C-alpha atoms as a PDB file:
ATOM      1  CA  MET A   1      -1.757  79.233-113.352  1.00  0.00           C
ATOM      2  CA  LYS A   2      -0.985  77.607-110.018  1.00  0.00           C
ATOM      3  CA  LYS A   3      -4.569  78.264-108.847  1.00  0.00           C
ATOM      4  CA  LEU A   4      -5.962  76.552-111.968  1.00  0.00           C
ATOM      5  CA  VAL A   5      -3.826  73.460-111.374  1.00  0.00           C
ATOM      6  CA  ILE A   6      -4.958  73.288-107.740  1.00  0.00           C
ATOM      7  CA  LEU A   7      -8.605  73.763-108.800  1.00  0.00           C
ATOM      8  CA  PHE A   8      -8.219  71.012-111.418  1.00  0.00           C
ATOM      9  CA  ILE A   9      -6.758  68.606-108.827  1.00  0.00           C
ATOM     10  CA  VAL A  10      -9.561  69.390-106.343  1.00  0.00           C
ATOM     11  CA  VAL A  11     -12.262  68.879-109.012  1.00  0.00           C
ATOM     12  CA  CYS A  12     -10.690  65.582-110.139  1.00  0.00           C
ATOM     13  CA  PHE A  13     -10.506  64.363-106.536  1.00  0.00           C
ATOM     14  CA  ALA A  14     -14.152  65.358-105.926  1.00  0.00           C
ATOM     15  CA  LEU A  15     -15.346  63.636-109.096  1.00  0.00           C
ATOM     16  CA  ASN A  16     -13.360  60.526-108.215  1.00  0.00           C
ATOM     17  CA  ARG A  17     -15.026  60.414-104.770  1.00  0.00           C
ATOM     18  CA  LEU A  18     -18.423  61.021-106.351  1.00  0.00           C
ATOM     19  CA  VAL A  19     -18.096  58.262-108.956  1.00  0.00           C
ATOM     20  CA  ALA A  20     -16.485  55.811-106.521  1.00  0.00           C
ATOM     21  CA  GLN A  21     -19.815  55.057-104.802  1.00  0.00           C
ATOM     22  CA  ASP A  22     -21.360  51.620-104.482  1.00  0.00           C
ATOM     23  CA  PRO A  23     -24.193  51.009-106.946  1.00  0.00           C
ATOM     24  CA  ALA A  24     -27.752  51.162-105.561  1.00  0.00           C
ATOM     25  CA  PHE A  25     -29.004  49.003-108.482  1.00  0.00           C
ATOM     26  CA  VAL A  26     -27.104  45.870-109.534  1.00  0.00           C
ATOM     27  CA  LYS A  27     -27.558  42.826-111.726  1.00  0.00           C
ATOM     28  CA  GLY A  28     -30.260  40.608-110.201  1.00  0.00           C
ATOM     29  CA  ASP A  29     -32.171  43.452-108.513  1.00  0.00           C
ATOM     30  CA  LYS A  30     -35.932  43.762-109.078  1.00  0.00           C
ATOM     31  CA  VAL A  31     -37.542  47.171-108.479  1.00  0.00           C
ATOM     32  CA  LEU A  32     -41.213  48.153-108.669  1.00  0.00           C
ATOM     33  CA  ASN A  33     -41.845  51.851-109.437  1.00  0.00           C
ATOM     34  CA  LEU A  34     -45.244  53.434-108.717  1.00  0.00           C
ATOM     35  CA  GLY A  35     -45.565  57.012-109.923  1.00  0.00           C
ATOM     36  CA  ILE A  36     -47.837  59.960-110.563  1.00  0.00           C
ATOM     37  CA  GLY A  37     -47.138  62.447-113.321  1.00  0.00           C
ATOM     38  CA  PHE A  38     -47.333  66.211-113.668  1.00  0.00           C
ATOM     39  CA  GLY A  39     -47.582  68.143-116.920  1.00  0.00           C
ATOM     40  CA  SER A  40     -49.287  66.426-119.842  1.00  0.00           C
ATOM     41  CA  THR A  41     -47.332  66.127-123.061  1.00  0.00           C
ATOM     42  CA  TRP A  42     -50.482  65.327-125.063  1.00  0.00           C
ATOM     43  CA  TYR A  43     -53.319  67.464-123.716  1.00  0.00           C
ATOM     44  CA  SER A  44     -52.705  71.125-123.086  1.00  0.00           C
ATOM     45  CA  GLY A  45     -54.600  74.329-123.476  1.00  0.00           C
ATOM     46  CA  SER A  46     -57.153  76.350-121.578  1.00  0.00           C
ATOM     47  CA  PHE A  47     -60.082  73.947-122.124  1.00  0.00           C
ATOM     48  CA  TYR A  48     -58.272  70.729-121.092  1.00  0.00           C
ATOM     49  CA  HIS A  49     -58.614  69.458-117.530  1.00  0.00           C
ATOM     50  CA  SER A  50     -57.129  66.340-115.968  1.00  0.00           C
ATOM     51  CA  GLN A  51     -59.690  63.829-114.708  1.00  0.00           C
ATOM     52  CA  VAL A  52     -57.167  61.216-113.610  1.00  0.00           C
ATOM     53  CA  PRO A  53     -53.569  62.429-113.490  1.00  0.00           C
ATOM     54  CA  PRO A  54     -51.068  60.228-115.292  1.00  0.00           C
ATOM     55  CA  VAL A  55     -50.256  57.214-113.103  1.00  0.00           C
ATOM     56  CA  SER A  56     -47.728  54.521-113.891  1.00  0.00           C
ATOM     57  CA  ALA A  57     -46.283  51.257-112.701  1.00  0.00           C
ATOM     58  CA  SER A  58     -43.102  49.647-113.940  1.00  0.00           C
ATOM     59  CA  LEU A  59     -41.052  46.661-112.916  1.00  0.00           C
ATOM     60  CA  GLU A  60     -37.334  46.608-113.627  1.00  0.00           C
ATOM     61  CA  PHE A  61     -34.866  43.722-113.635  1.00  0.00           C
ATOM     62  CA  GLY A  62     -31.094  44.292-113.520  1.00  0.00           C
ATOM     63  CA  ILE A  63     -29.732  42.080-116.321  1.00  0.00           C
ATOM     64  CA  VAL A  64     -26.198  43.229-117.238  1.00  0.00           C
ATOM     65  CA  ASP A  65     -23.544  44.818-115.037  1.00  0.00           C
ATOM     66  CA  ASN A  66     -19.940  46.064-115.252  1.00  0.00           C
ATOM     67  CA  ILE A  67     -20.663  48.459-118.106  1.00  0.00           C
ATOM     68  CA  LEU A  68     -18.230  51.386-117.895  1.00  0.00           C
ATOM     69  CA  GLU A  69     -17.002  49.843-114.622  1.00  0.00           C
ATOM     70  CA  LYS A  70     -20.124  50.245-112.427  1.00  0.00           C
ATOM     71  CA  GLY A  71     -22.952  50.684-114.953  1.00  0.00           C
ATOM     72  CA  VAL A  72     -25.970  48.355-115.027  1.00  0.00           C
ATOM     73  CA  ILE A  73     -28.654  47.761-117.646  1.00  0.00           C
ATOM     74  CA  GLY A  74     -32.206  47.129-116.470  1.00  0.00           C
ATOM     75  CA  VAL A  75     -35.309  46.205-118.471  1.00  0.00           C
ATOM     76  CA  GLY A  76     -38.926  45.554-117.671  1.00  0.00           C
ATOM     77  CA  PRO A  77     -42.624  46.128-118.357  1.00  0.00           C
ATOM     78  CA  TYR A  78     -44.477  49.440-118.043  1.00  0.00           C
ATOM     79  CA  LEU A  79     -48.161  50.328-117.614  1.00  0.00           C
ATOM     80  CA  GLY A  80     -49.474  53.905-117.630  1.00  0.00           C
ATOM     81  CA  TYR A  81     -52.916  55.546-117.586  1.00  0.00           C
ATOM     82  CA  SER A  82     -54.267  59.080-117.873  1.00  0.00           C
ATOM     83  CA  SER A  83     -57.657  60.681-118.475  1.00  0.00           C
ATOM     84  CA  TYR A  84     -58.412  64.204-119.669  1.00  0.00           C
ATOM     85  CA  LYS A  85     -61.479  66.236-120.506  1.00  0.00           C
ATOM     86  CA  TRP A  86     -61.850  69.020-123.064  1.00  0.00           C
ATOM     87  CA  GLU A  87     -64.872  71.108-122.123  1.00  0.00           C
ATOM     88  CA  TYR A  88     -66.524  74.239-123.456  1.00  0.00           C
ATOM     89  CA  SER A  89     -69.975  75.410-122.281  1.00  0.00           C
ATOM     90  CA  ASP A  90     -70.977  72.013-120.797  1.00  0.00           C
ATOM     91  CA  TRP A  91     -70.025  70.179-123.979  1.00  0.00           C
ATOM     92  CA  GLY A  92     -66.821  68.438-124.925  1.00  0.00           C
ATOM     93  CA  TYR A  93     -64.821  65.224-125.089  1.00  0.00           C
ATOM     94  CA  LYS A  94     -63.328  62.834-122.555  1.00  0.00           C
ATOM     95  CA  TYR A  95     -60.035  61.176-123.498  1.00  0.00           C
ATOM     96  CA  SER A  96     -58.245  58.257-121.901  1.00  0.00           C
ATOM     97  CA  ASN A  97     -54.830  56.790-122.646  1.00  0.00           C
ATOM     98  CA  ILE A  98     -53.477  53.401-121.633  1.00  0.00           C
ATOM     99  CA  ILE A  99     -49.839  52.690-122.426  1.00  0.00           C
ATOM    100  CA  VAL A 100     -48.455  49.166-122.273  1.00  0.00           C
ATOM    101  CA  GLY A 101     -44.787  48.824-123.043  1.00  0.00           C
ATOM    102  CA  ALA A 102     -41.235  47.967-122.117  1.00  0.00           C
ATOM    103  CA  ARG A 103     -38.512  50.158-120.656  1.00  0.00           C
ATOM    104  CA  GLY A 104     -34.762  49.928-120.818  1.00  0.00           C
ATOM    105  CA  ASN A 105     -32.523  51.864-118.401  1.00  0.00           C
ATOM    106  CA  PHE A 106     -28.805  52.462-118.022  1.00  0.00           C
ATOM    107  CA  HIS A 107     -27.873  52.977-114.344  1.00  0.00           C
ATOM    108  CA  TYR A 108     -24.670  54.569-113.117  1.00  0.00           C
ATOM    109  CA  PRO A 109     -23.957  55.357-109.437  1.00  0.00           C
ATOM    110  CA  LEU A 110     -23.148  58.976-108.591  1.00  0.00           C
ATOM    111  CA  ALA A 111     -23.770  59.076-104.837  1.00  0.00           C
ATOM    112  CA  ASN A 112     -24.375  56.667-101.969  1.00  0.00           C
ATOM    113  CA  LYS A 113     -28.009  55.395-101.791  1.00  0.00           C
ATOM    114  CA  LEU A 114     -28.795  57.233-105.061  1.00  0.00           C
ATOM    115  CA  ASP A 115     -29.686  55.208-108.156  1.00  0.00           C
ATOM    116  CA  THR A 116     -29.326  57.457-111.214  1.00  0.00           C
ATOM    117  CA  TYR A 117     -30.347  56.322-114.685  1.00  0.00           C
ATOM    118  CA  LEU A 118     -31.434  57.296-118.159  1.00  0.00           C
ATOM    119  CA  GLY A 119     -33.829  55.289-120.231  1.00  0.00           C
ATOM    120  CA  VAL A 120     -36.200  54.769-123.114  1.00  0.00           C
ATOM    121  CA  LEU A 121     -39.745  53.422-123.363  1.00  0.00           C
ATOM    122  CA  LEU A 122     -41.258  51.632-126.318  1.00  0.00           C
ATOM    123  CA  GLY A 123     -44.958  51.005-125.938  1.00  0.00           C
ATOM    124  CA  TYR A 124     -48.417  50.789-127.398  1.00  0.00           C
ATOM    125  CA  ASN A 125     -50.823  53.662-126.669  1.00  0.00           C
ATOM    126  CA  ILE A 126     -54.546  52.823-126.576  1.00  0.00           C
ATOM    127  CA  VAL A 127     -56.586  56.028-126.881  1.00  0.00           C
ATOM    128  CA  SER A 128     -60.344  56.388-126.541  1.00  0.00           C
ATOM    129  CA  SER A 129     -62.580  59.448-126.666  1.00  0.00           C
ATOM    130  CA  LYS A 130     -66.223  60.096-125.976  1.00  0.00           C
ATOM    131  CA  GLU A 131     -68.384  63.155-126.508  1.00  0.00           C
ATOM    132  CA  PHE A 132     -70.463  64.495-123.626  1.00  0.00           C
ATOM    133  CA  GLY A 133     -73.103  67.225-123.572  1.00  0.00           C
ATOM    134  CA  THR A 134     -75.615  67.668-126.374  1.00  0.00           C
ATOM    135  CA  PRO A 135     -75.145  70.828-128.456  1.00  0.00           C
ATOM    136  CA  SER A 136     -74.741  68.743-131.638  1.00  0.00           C
ATOM    137  CA  GLY A 137     -77.143  65.932-130.763  1.00  0.00           C
ATOM    138  CA  TYR A 138     -74.510  63.302-131.605  1.00  0.00           C
ATOM    139  CA  ASP A 139     -73.070  60.678-129.290  1.00  0.00           C
ATOM    140  CA  TYR A 140     -69.585  60.494-130.762  1.00  0.00           C
ATOM    141  CA  LYS A 141     -67.159  57.760-129.599  1.00  0.00           C
ATOM    142  CA  ALA A 142     -63.815  56.829-131.084  1.00  0.00           C
ATOM    143  CA  SER A 143     -60.710  54.863-130.297  1.00  0.00           C
ATOM    144  CA  SER A 144     -57.260  54.685-131.767  1.00  0.00           C
ATOM    145  CA  SER A 145     -53.967  53.018-130.997  1.00  0.00           C
ATOM    146  CA  GLY A 146     -50.382  53.440-131.983  1.00  0.00           C
ATOM    147  CA  LEU A 147     -46.728  53.274-131.103  1.00  0.00           C
ATOM    148  CA  SER A 148     -45.550  55.358-128.152  1.00  0.00           C
ATOM    149  CA  THR A 149     -41.955  56.236-127.328  1.00  0.00           C
ATOM    150  CA  ALA A 150     -40.357  58.188-124.500  1.00  0.00           C
ATOM    151  CA  GLY A 151     -36.957  59.214-123.234  1.00  0.00           C
ATOM    152  CA  TYR A 152     -36.162  60.256-119.673  1.00  0.00           C
ATOM    153  CA  ILE A 153     -33.596  60.656-116.922  1.00  0.00           C
ATOM    154  CA  GLY A 154     -34.376  59.482-113.429  1.00  0.00           C
ATOM    155  CA  ALA A 155     -33.188  58.821-109.934  1.00  0.00           C
ATOM    156  CA  ARG A 156     -34.231  56.740-106.947  1.00  0.00           C
ATOM    157  CA  TYR A 157     -33.058  57.596-103.452  1.00  0.00           C
ATOM    158  CA  TYR A 158     -33.277  54.718-100.965  1.00  0.00           C
ATOM    159  CA  PHE A 159     -34.181  55.501 -97.340  1.00  0.00           C
ATOM    160  CA  THR A 160     -33.871  51.834 -96.442  1.00  0.00           C
ATOM    161  CA  GLU A 161     -32.460  48.836 -98.270  1.00  0.00           C
ATOM    162  CA  LYS A 162     -35.855  48.185 -99.913  1.00  0.00           C
ATOM    163  CA  LEU A 163     -37.784  51.518 -99.962  1.00  0.00           C
ATOM    164  CA  GLY A 164     -37.003  54.688-101.861  1.00  0.00           C
ATOM    165  CA  VAL A 165     -38.470  57.664-103.653  1.00  0.00           C
ATOM    166  CA  MET A 166     -38.160  58.139-107.395  1.00  0.00           C
ATOM    167  CA  ALA A 167     -38.339  61.029-109.844  1.00  0.00           C
ATOM    168  CA  GLU A 168     -38.126  61.077-113.634  1.00  0.00           C
ATOM    169  CA  LEU A 169     -37.882  63.955-116.061  1.00  0.00           C
ATOM    170  CA  GLY A 170     -38.468  63.498-119.762  1.00  0.00           C
ATOM    171  CA  TYR A 171     -40.885  63.364-122.623  1.00  0.00           C
ATOM    172  CA  GLY A 172     -43.514  60.628-122.532  1.00  0.00           C
ATOM    173  CA  ILE A 173     -46.960  60.598-120.970  1.00  0.00           C
ATOM    174  CA  THR A 174     -45.793  63.431-118.651  1.00  0.00           C
ATOM    175  CA  TYR A 175     -42.855  65.756-118.224  1.00  0.00           C
ATOM    176  CA  ILE A 176     -42.289  64.892-114.549  1.00  0.00           C
ATOM    177  CA  THR A 177     -43.079  61.688-112.639  1.00  0.00           C
ATOM    178  CA  ILE A 178     -42.590  61.235-108.898  1.00  0.00           C
ATOM    179  CA  GLY A 179     -43.305  58.198-106.761  1.00  0.00           C
ATOM    180  CA  ILE A 180     -41.856  55.330-104.806  1.00  0.00           C
ATOM    181  CA  GLY A 181     -39.435  52.539-105.663  1.00  0.00           C
ATOM    182  CA  LEU A 182     -39.665  49.168-103.930  1.00  0.00           C
ATOM    183  CA  LYS A 183     -36.878  46.590-104.207  1.00  0.00           C
ATOM    184  CA  LEU A 184     -38.393  43.123-104.332  1.00  0.00           C
END
């Protein structure tokens, strides 16, 4: 029992030190994220090939602070693009997606120079497709649009006061996004 009490005290002390860090993202901050994604959530299978991997840009503004002591809410615009090809015997379709939307993030500091957050995206997905090759003799083209949502967790680690690397894991245009974060 004594060992459990000591372990509990050590864990509480460690968590207190971990949470007691200075926030890397605060109200008034502006951060530009530029990322590249891995793992398509829309196009998968043996005949799909990426032409342009998912790329994204987002700008975030810190708007509300002191949530749960050191938490910060950030919002801002998002732009993403990806292009895929489905091909079988020199015939198939090319698909492209453009997502324009807004993101909202909740930041909470866990370690020095590390900006950890979770967020949601609400956007508009513009999809276009075009047939290539000629087994059918048709020149099929189509486009469609609709609501796009995503949820993710992320982190930015700052090497300097203004430059950092970022990574996000979630379900949206990709499963994993990595890139850079620039404080403006």
